[in-house]
Amino acid sequence: MQKKILLLSTGGTIASVVSDAGLVPKESGEQLINMLGELPYDITVEDILQLDSSNIQPEEWKLIAEKIFENRNKYDGIVVSHGTDTMAYTASMLAFMLQNINIPVVLTGSQVPINVVLSDAPDNLRLAFAAAASCCPNIYLAFDRKVMLGCRSVKVRTINFDAFESVNVPPVAKVTSDGLVFSEQNLPKNTKECTLNTEINPHVSLVKLFPGFDPKLLFAMVESGCKGIVIEAYGLGGMNYIRRNMVGAVGELIRYGIPVIASSQCLYERSDLTKYEVGREALLEGAISARDMTSESAITKLMWGLGQGWDVHQIAEFFNTDVVGEVTIEKDDTLRVD
């Protein structure tokens, strides 16, 4: 019996056509499917958006999450066609909005529109359908013969077809001559009822630390309504405290009730605030470590946590918890400074 798969089309490069203004999303989901030829699935198509992913924002995240939740018991899997630029953000946020999802949901797109002869779109779509038909329930991103956990995916290239990588965990599956081959890893098991919770607070900021950054800018953000900050700090999470005292600023913000998440500018491996003095000082001031989370996952997790009305201490506890596979919590990992 054929698996029933729903395609939710949102636009993006995959559905774009050439116009006087550049590439513009115009192709429908049905047109995407027609260009793939015969597929061994019972596919239903619903066009819910027609946007470049640069225009996909919190309002669109909510719509996509609601559509998935609404259809989760009608299909064996759901594919979401999406532009590549913000797809990792959407995948991460959907993981938090749709915790314990009971079917595989797979986001995909392409670097080249599907109507171009050498486009990567057909292969990516076929992979997404295969993943939606065979993966365990979760939120995934499928691209260039790899299936990745959505909350671990990052766009790393602007032109090449291998645009996405699975950061700090291996891909869930890869396409080989043997078909879709799954890796041996412990994915989060969804044992509870799926819930839809789209309450988020998007008034947050993502700051990349650089030599000479003025900490006063952080307070200016807060005065403008910012409720939480993710700082991409140096190396393992170090921050300067000489002359421009980032560490002191973090402590002041924490005491003011603004959660500050410390991640690393390095794409791979984890932040560890206990390693160096510059990190330990930040930890003592109350900085919350993102460990090995992607920036996309950290900022969406912060938005979602703040949307629940949680204070700094509850946000810290939230970030000390692996909710959807977004972070590696080592055994006895307490992140304390003795």
Protein backbone atom coordinates (compact mmCIF):
# COMPACT_ATOMS: atom_id res chain seq x y z
CA MET A 1 0.00 0.00 0.00
CA GLN A 2 1.40 3.42 -0.97
CA LYS A 3 2.35 5.84 1.79
CA LYS A 4 0.22 8.96 1.94
CA ILE A 5 2.42 12.06 1.83
CA LEU A 6 1.36 15.71 1.99
CA LEU A 7 3.43 18.36 0.22
CA LEU A 8 3.11 21.83 1.73
CA SER A 9 4.52 24.32 -0.78
CA THR A 10 5.86 27.66 0.54
CA GLY A 11 7.84 29.05 -2.42
CA GLY A 12 11.61 29.52 -2.40
CA THR A 13 14.21 29.03 -5.12
CA ILE A 14 12.87 25.58 -5.87
CA ALA A 15 9.62 27.16 -7.13
CA SER A 16 11.13 30.29 -8.69
CA VAL A 17 11.05 31.57 -12.25
CA VAL A 18 13.03 34.31 -13.97
CA SER A 19 11.48 37.80 -13.93
CA ASP A 20 12.65 41.36 -14.56
CA ALA A 21 13.19 41.67 -10.80
CA GLY A 22 15.23 38.46 -10.56
CA LEU A 23 14.11 35.00 -9.41
CA VAL A 24 10.58 35.07 -7.99
CA PRO A 25 8.62 32.11 -6.48
CA LYS A 26 5.82 31.30 -8.94
CA GLU A 27 5.60 27.51 -9.42
CA SER A 28 2.85 25.69 -7.52
CA GLY A 29 3.37 22.51 -5.56
CA GLU A 30 1.49 20.61 -8.25
CA GLN A 31 3.94 21.91 -10.86
CA LEU A 32 6.85 20.74 -8.71
CA ILE A 33 5.38 17.25 -8.51
CA ASN A 34 4.67 17.11 -12.25
CA MET A 35 8.36 17.66 -12.99
CA LEU A 36 9.39 14.62 -10.91
CA GLY A 37 7.71 11.92 -12.95
CA GLU A 38 6.29 8.76 -11.37
CA LEU A 39 6.68 8.46 -7.58
CA PRO A 40 5.64 5.46 -5.45
CA TYR A 41 3.57 7.56 -3.04
CA ASP A 42 0.02 8.84 -2.76
CA ILE A 43 0.77 12.58 -2.79
CA THR A 44 -1.54 15.44 -1.87
CA VAL A 45 -0.42 19.03 -2.50
CA GLU A 46 -1.36 22.20 -0.66
CA ASP A 47 0.12 25.61 -1.53
CA ILE A 48 0.21 27.61 1.69
CA LEU A 49 2.75 30.34 0.82
CA GLN A 50 4.60 31.66 -2.20
CA LEU A 51 7.55 33.49 -0.66
CA ASP A 52 11.29 33.80 -0.95
CA SER A 53 12.51 32.35 2.35
CA SER A 54 14.11 35.69 3.26
CA ASN A 55 10.51 36.76 3.85
CA ILE A 56 9.65 33.73 6.00
CA GLN A 57 9.25 35.12 9.52
CA PRO A 58 7.56 34.16 12.82
CA GLU A 59 4.08 34.67 11.37
CA GLU A 60 4.88 32.14 8.60
CA TRP A 61 6.44 29.71 11.10
CA LYS A 62 3.14 29.68 12.97
CA LEU A 63 1.15 29.05 9.79
CA ILE A 64 3.42 26.18 8.71
CA ALA A 65 3.30 24.63 12.20
CA GLU A 66 -0.49 24.88 12.30
CA LYS A 67 -0.82 23.23 8.87
CA ILE A 68 1.45 20.37 9.94
CA PHE A 69 -0.43 19.88 13.21
CA GLU A 70 -3.77 19.97 11.41
CA ASN A 71 -2.68 17.21 8.99
CA ARG A 72 -0.47 15.07 11.23
CA ASN A 73 -3.05 12.27 11.61
CA LYS A 74 -4.16 12.26 7.96
CA TYR A 75 -0.82 11.34 6.36
CA ASP A 76 2.15 9.05 6.88
CA GLY A 77 4.55 11.97 6.38
CA ILE A 78 4.72 15.61 5.36
CA VAL A 79 7.17 17.36 3.02
CA VAL A 80 7.61 21.13 3.19
CA SER A 81 9.20 22.79 0.14
CA HIS A 82 11.00 25.91 1.35
CA GLY A 83 13.66 28.41 0.32
CA THR A 84 17.16 27.60 1.54
CA ASP A 85 18.17 30.89 3.17
CA THR A 86 16.05 30.53 6.31
CA MET A 87 15.17 26.84 6.09
CA ALA A 88 17.40 25.89 9.06
CA TYR A 89 15.65 28.50 11.21
CA THR A 90 12.23 27.19 10.18
CA ALA A 91 13.26 23.58 10.82
CA SER A 92 14.56 24.45 14.29
CA MET A 93 11.49 26.44 15.25
CA LEU A 94 9.10 23.75 14.00
CA ALA A 95 10.91 21.27 16.26
CA PHE A 96 10.03 23.40 19.30
CA MET A 97 6.53 24.34 18.15
CA LEU A 98 5.62 20.71 17.34
CA GLN A 99 7.25 18.72 20.13
CA ASN A 100 6.55 14.97 20.00
CA ILE A 101 5.37 15.13 16.40
CA ASN A 102 3.97 11.72 15.48
CA ILE A 103 5.05 11.58 11.81
CA PRO A 104 8.21 12.50 9.89
CA VAL A 105 8.16 16.09 8.61
CA VAL A 106 10.85 16.85 6.03
CA LEU A 107 11.87 20.29 4.77
CA THR A 108 13.68 20.61 1.46
CA GLY A 109 14.46 23.09 -1.29
CA SER A 110 17.12 23.64 -3.91
CA GLN A 111 19.96 25.88 -5.00
CA VAL A 112 18.58 26.08 -8.56
CA PRO A 113 14.92 26.38 -9.66
CA ILE A 114 13.27 23.11 -10.64
CA ASN A 115 12.58 24.33 -14.18
CA VAL A 116 16.34 24.53 -14.93
CA VAL A 117 17.75 21.45 -16.70
CA LEU A 118 20.58 20.78 -14.23
CA SER A 119 18.65 21.72 -11.10
CA ASP A 120 19.24 19.89 -7.83
CA ALA A 121 15.53 20.25 -7.03
CA PRO A 122 14.26 16.89 -8.39
CA ASP A 123 16.78 14.84 -6.38
CA ASN A 124 16.13 16.85 -3.21
CA LEU A 125 12.36 16.45 -3.54
CA ARG A 126 12.63 12.71 -4.20
CA LEU A 127 14.87 12.38 -1.14
CA ALA A 128 12.41 14.35 0.98
CA PHE A 129 9.52 12.10 -0.05
CA ALA A 130 11.58 8.98 0.66
CA ALA A 131 12.50 10.36 4.09
CA ALA A 132 8.88 11.31 4.83
CA ALA A 133 7.88 7.75 3.98
CA SER A 134 10.57 5.96 6.00
CA CYS A 135 12.08 8.09 8.79
CA CYS A 136 11.01 7.97 12.43
CA PRO A 137 8.72 10.79 13.56
CA ASN A 138 10.68 14.05 13.84
CA ILE A 139 11.46 17.30 12.03
CA TYR A 140 14.11 16.82 9.31
CA LEU A 141 15.89 18.69 6.55
CA ALA A 142 16.75 16.74 3.38
CA PHE A 143 19.35 18.09 0.96
CA ASP A 144 22.03 16.80 -1.39
CA ARG A 145 21.58 13.10 -0.54
CA LYS A 146 21.59 13.72 3.23
CA VAL A 147 18.76 13.66 5.74
CA MET A 148 19.52 15.77 8.81
CA LEU A 149 17.77 16.47 12.07
CA GLY A 150 16.16 19.86 11.48
CA CYS A 151 17.43 21.43 14.69
CA ARG A 152 21.02 20.45 13.82
CA SER A 153 21.09 21.70 10.24
CA VAL A 154 22.91 24.80 9.03
CA LYS A 155 23.24 26.38 5.60
CA VAL A 156 26.98 26.60 4.92
CA ARG A 157 27.23 27.29 1.17
CA THR A 158 25.56 29.81 -1.12
CA ILE A 159 26.12 28.20 -4.54
CA ASN A 160 27.23 24.55 -4.31
CA PHE A 161 24.61 21.83 -4.10
CA ASP A 162 25.89 20.55 -0.73
CA ALA A 163 24.48 23.68 0.88
CA PHE A 164 23.57 22.19 4.27
CA GLU A 165 25.49 20.30 6.92
CA SER A 166 24.46 18.44 10.03
CA VAL A 167 26.45 20.11 12.79
CA ASN A 168 27.93 18.15 15.71
CA VAL A 169 25.87 15.03 14.98
CA PRO A 170 26.01 12.81 11.87
CA PRO A 171 23.23 12.98 9.30
CA VAL A 172 20.29 10.74 10.11
CA ALA A 173 20.61 9.05 6.71
CA LYS A 174 22.52 9.27 3.44
CA VAL A 175 21.74 8.12 -0.09
CA THR A 176 24.13 5.43 -1.35
CA SER A 177 23.95 2.72 -4.00
CA ASP A 178 22.08 0.71 -1.34
CA GLY A 179 19.35 3.35 -1.12
CA LEU A 180 18.57 5.44 1.94
CA VAL A 181 21.02 4.21 4.59
CA PHE A 182 20.35 5.24 8.19
CA SER A 183 23.15 5.96 10.65
CA GLU A 184 23.32 4.38 14.07
CA GLN A 185 22.49 7.21 16.43
CA ASN A 186 20.07 7.75 19.25
CA LEU A 187 17.37 10.07 18.00
CA PRO A 188 14.93 11.52 20.50
CA LYS A 189 11.97 9.19 20.98
CA ASN A 190 8.59 10.89 20.81
CA THR A 191 6.65 9.10 23.52
CA LYS A 192 4.12 11.80 24.43
CA GLU A 193 1.16 13.29 22.62
CA CYS A 194 2.11 15.85 19.99
CA THR A 195 1.33 19.39 21.08
CA LEU A 196 1.12 22.58 19.04
CA ASN A 197 2.59 25.58 20.84
CA THR A 198 3.29 28.56 18.61
CA GLU A 199 3.67 31.09 21.43
CA ILE A 200 7.04 32.76 20.84
CA ASN A 201 8.68 36.09 21.60
CA PRO A 202 10.71 37.23 18.58
CA HIS A 203 12.14 40.27 20.40
CA VAL A 204 15.60 38.72 20.72
CA SER A 205 18.99 39.42 19.22
CA LEU A 206 21.88 37.39 17.82
CA VAL A 207 25.22 39.16 18.27
CA LYS A 208 28.59 38.09 16.89
CA LEU A 209 31.33 39.26 19.25
CA PHE A 210 34.36 40.93 17.68
CA PRO A 211 37.37 42.80 19.08
CA GLY A 212 36.21 46.32 19.90
CA PHE A 213 32.50 45.52 20.29
CA ASP A 214 30.94 48.08 22.64
CA PRO A 215 28.85 46.37 25.36
CA LYS A 216 26.70 49.52 25.55
CA LEU A 217 25.06 48.35 22.34
CA LEU A 218 23.57 45.40 24.25
CA PHE A 219 21.81 47.81 26.62
CA ALA A 220 20.60 49.86 23.66
CA MET A 221 18.99 46.68 22.28
CA VAL A 222 17.26 46.07 25.61
CA GLU A 223 16.03 49.67 25.74
CA SER A 224 14.53 49.05 22.27
CA GLY A 225 12.58 46.04 23.53
CA CYS A 226 15.01 43.10 23.24
CA LYS A 227 14.08 40.38 25.77
CA GLY A 228 16.97 37.94 25.26
CA ILE A 229 20.35 37.79 23.56
CA VAL A 230 22.45 35.04 22.00
CA ILE A 231 26.11 36.02 21.82
CA GLU A 232 28.40 34.17 19.44
CA ALA A 233 31.49 34.45 21.61
CA TYR A 234 35.06 33.40 20.90
CA GLY A 235 36.25 29.77 20.82
CA LEU A 236 34.77 27.88 23.74
CA GLY A 237 32.62 30.87 24.69
CA GLY A 238 35.12 33.39 25.98
CA MET A 239 34.27 37.09 26.33
CA ASN A 240 36.55 40.05 26.95
CA TYR A 241 36.47 41.98 30.24
CA ILE A 242 39.40 44.39 29.75
CA ARG A 243 38.38 47.96 28.78
CA ARG A 244 35.16 46.91 27.05
CA ASN A 245 33.71 44.70 29.76
CA MET A 246 31.41 42.23 28.01
CA VAL A 247 31.46 39.93 31.02
CA GLY A 248 30.24 42.70 33.34
CA ALA A 249 27.56 43.68 30.82
CA VAL A 250 26.30 40.10 30.70
CA GLY A 251 26.01 40.02 34.49
CA GLU A 252 24.12 43.31 34.53
CA LEU A 253 21.72 42.10 31.85
CA ILE A 254 21.10 38.83 33.70
CA ARG A 255 20.34 40.74 36.91
CA TYR A 256 17.98 42.93 34.91
CA GLY A 257 16.12 39.78 33.82
CA ILE A 258 17.49 39.43 30.28
CA PRO A 259 18.75 35.89 29.52
CA VAL A 260 22.10 35.88 27.71
CA ILE A 261 23.06 32.71 25.84
CA ALA A 262 26.76 32.17 25.10
CA SER A 263 27.52 30.14 21.99
CA SER A 264 30.66 29.79 19.89
CA GLN A 265 31.54 31.47 16.61
CA CYS A 266 33.06 28.12 15.63
CA LEU A 267 30.58 26.07 13.63
CA TYR A 268 31.71 22.73 15.00
CA GLU A 269 32.10 21.38 18.52
CA ARG A 270 30.80 22.92 21.71
CA SER A 271 31.15 26.00 23.82
CA ASP A 272 32.50 25.32 27.32
CA LEU A 273 32.47 28.27 29.69
CA THR A 274 34.40 26.36 32.37
CA LYS A 275 37.63 25.99 30.37
CA TYR A 276 39.20 29.46 30.35
CA GLU A 277 39.09 32.43 32.71
CA VAL A 278 37.26 34.53 30.10
CA GLY A 279 34.51 31.91 29.97
CA ARG A 280 34.43 31.15 33.69
CA GLU A 281 33.94 34.84 34.47
CA ALA A 282 30.96 34.94 32.11
CA LEU A 283 29.55 31.79 33.69
CA LEU A 284 29.89 33.32 37.16
CA GLU A 285 27.93 36.32 35.91
CA GLY A 286 25.08 34.05 34.82
CA ALA A 287 25.73 33.50 31.12
CA ILE A 288 23.86 30.44 29.82
CA SER A 289 25.89 28.06 27.66
CA ALA A 290 24.52 26.93 24.32
CA ARG A 291 26.97 24.00 24.37
CA ASP A 292 27.00 22.47 20.86
CA MET A 293 23.78 24.01 19.57
CA THR A 294 23.65 25.78 16.24
CA SER A 295 22.97 29.52 16.34
CA GLU A 296 19.73 28.87 14.45
CA SER A 297 18.60 26.43 17.10
CA ALA A 298 19.74 28.63 20.00
CA ILE A 299 17.89 31.72 18.80
CA THR A 300 14.67 29.84 18.03
CA LYS A 301 14.85 27.97 21.34
CA LEU A 302 15.25 31.32 23.12
CA MET A 303 12.26 32.78 21.23
CA TRP A 304 10.12 29.78 22.14
CA GLY A 305 11.17 29.77 25.80
CA LEU A 306 10.48 33.48 26.19
CA GLY A 307 7.12 32.91 24.51
CA GLN A 308 6.17 30.69 27.45
CA GLY A 309 6.64 33.65 29.81
CA TRP A 310 9.68 32.10 31.50
CA ASP A 311 12.17 34.10 33.54
CA VAL A 312 15.98 33.92 33.39
CA HIS A 313 16.20 30.91 35.71
CA GLN A 314 13.58 28.96 33.77
CA ILE A 315 15.32 29.80 30.48
CA ALA A 316 18.61 28.57 31.97
CA GLU A 317 16.97 25.29 32.96
CA PHE A 318 15.43 25.02 29.50
CA PHE A 319 18.86 25.41 27.90
CA ASN A 320 20.22 22.75 30.26
CA THR A 321 17.70 20.32 28.76
CA ASP A 322 17.82 18.43 25.46
CA VAL A 323 14.26 18.98 24.27
CA VAL A 324 14.23 17.80 20.62
CA GLY A 325 17.79 16.59 20.00
CA GLU A 326 19.12 20.13 19.58
CA VAL A 327 21.91 19.89 22.16
CA THR A 328 24.28 17.33 23.63
CA ILE A 329 24.07 17.17 27.42
CA GLU A 330 26.99 15.18 28.75
CA LYS A 331 26.58 13.02 31.82
CA ASP A 332 27.29 15.02 35.00
CA ASP A 333 27.36 18.18 32.87
CA THR A 334 26.44 20.81 35.43
CA LEU A 335 28.36 23.78 33.98
CA ARG A 336 29.41 25.06 37.37
CA VAL A 337 32.59 26.85 38.40
CA ASP A 338 34.20 25.47 41.54
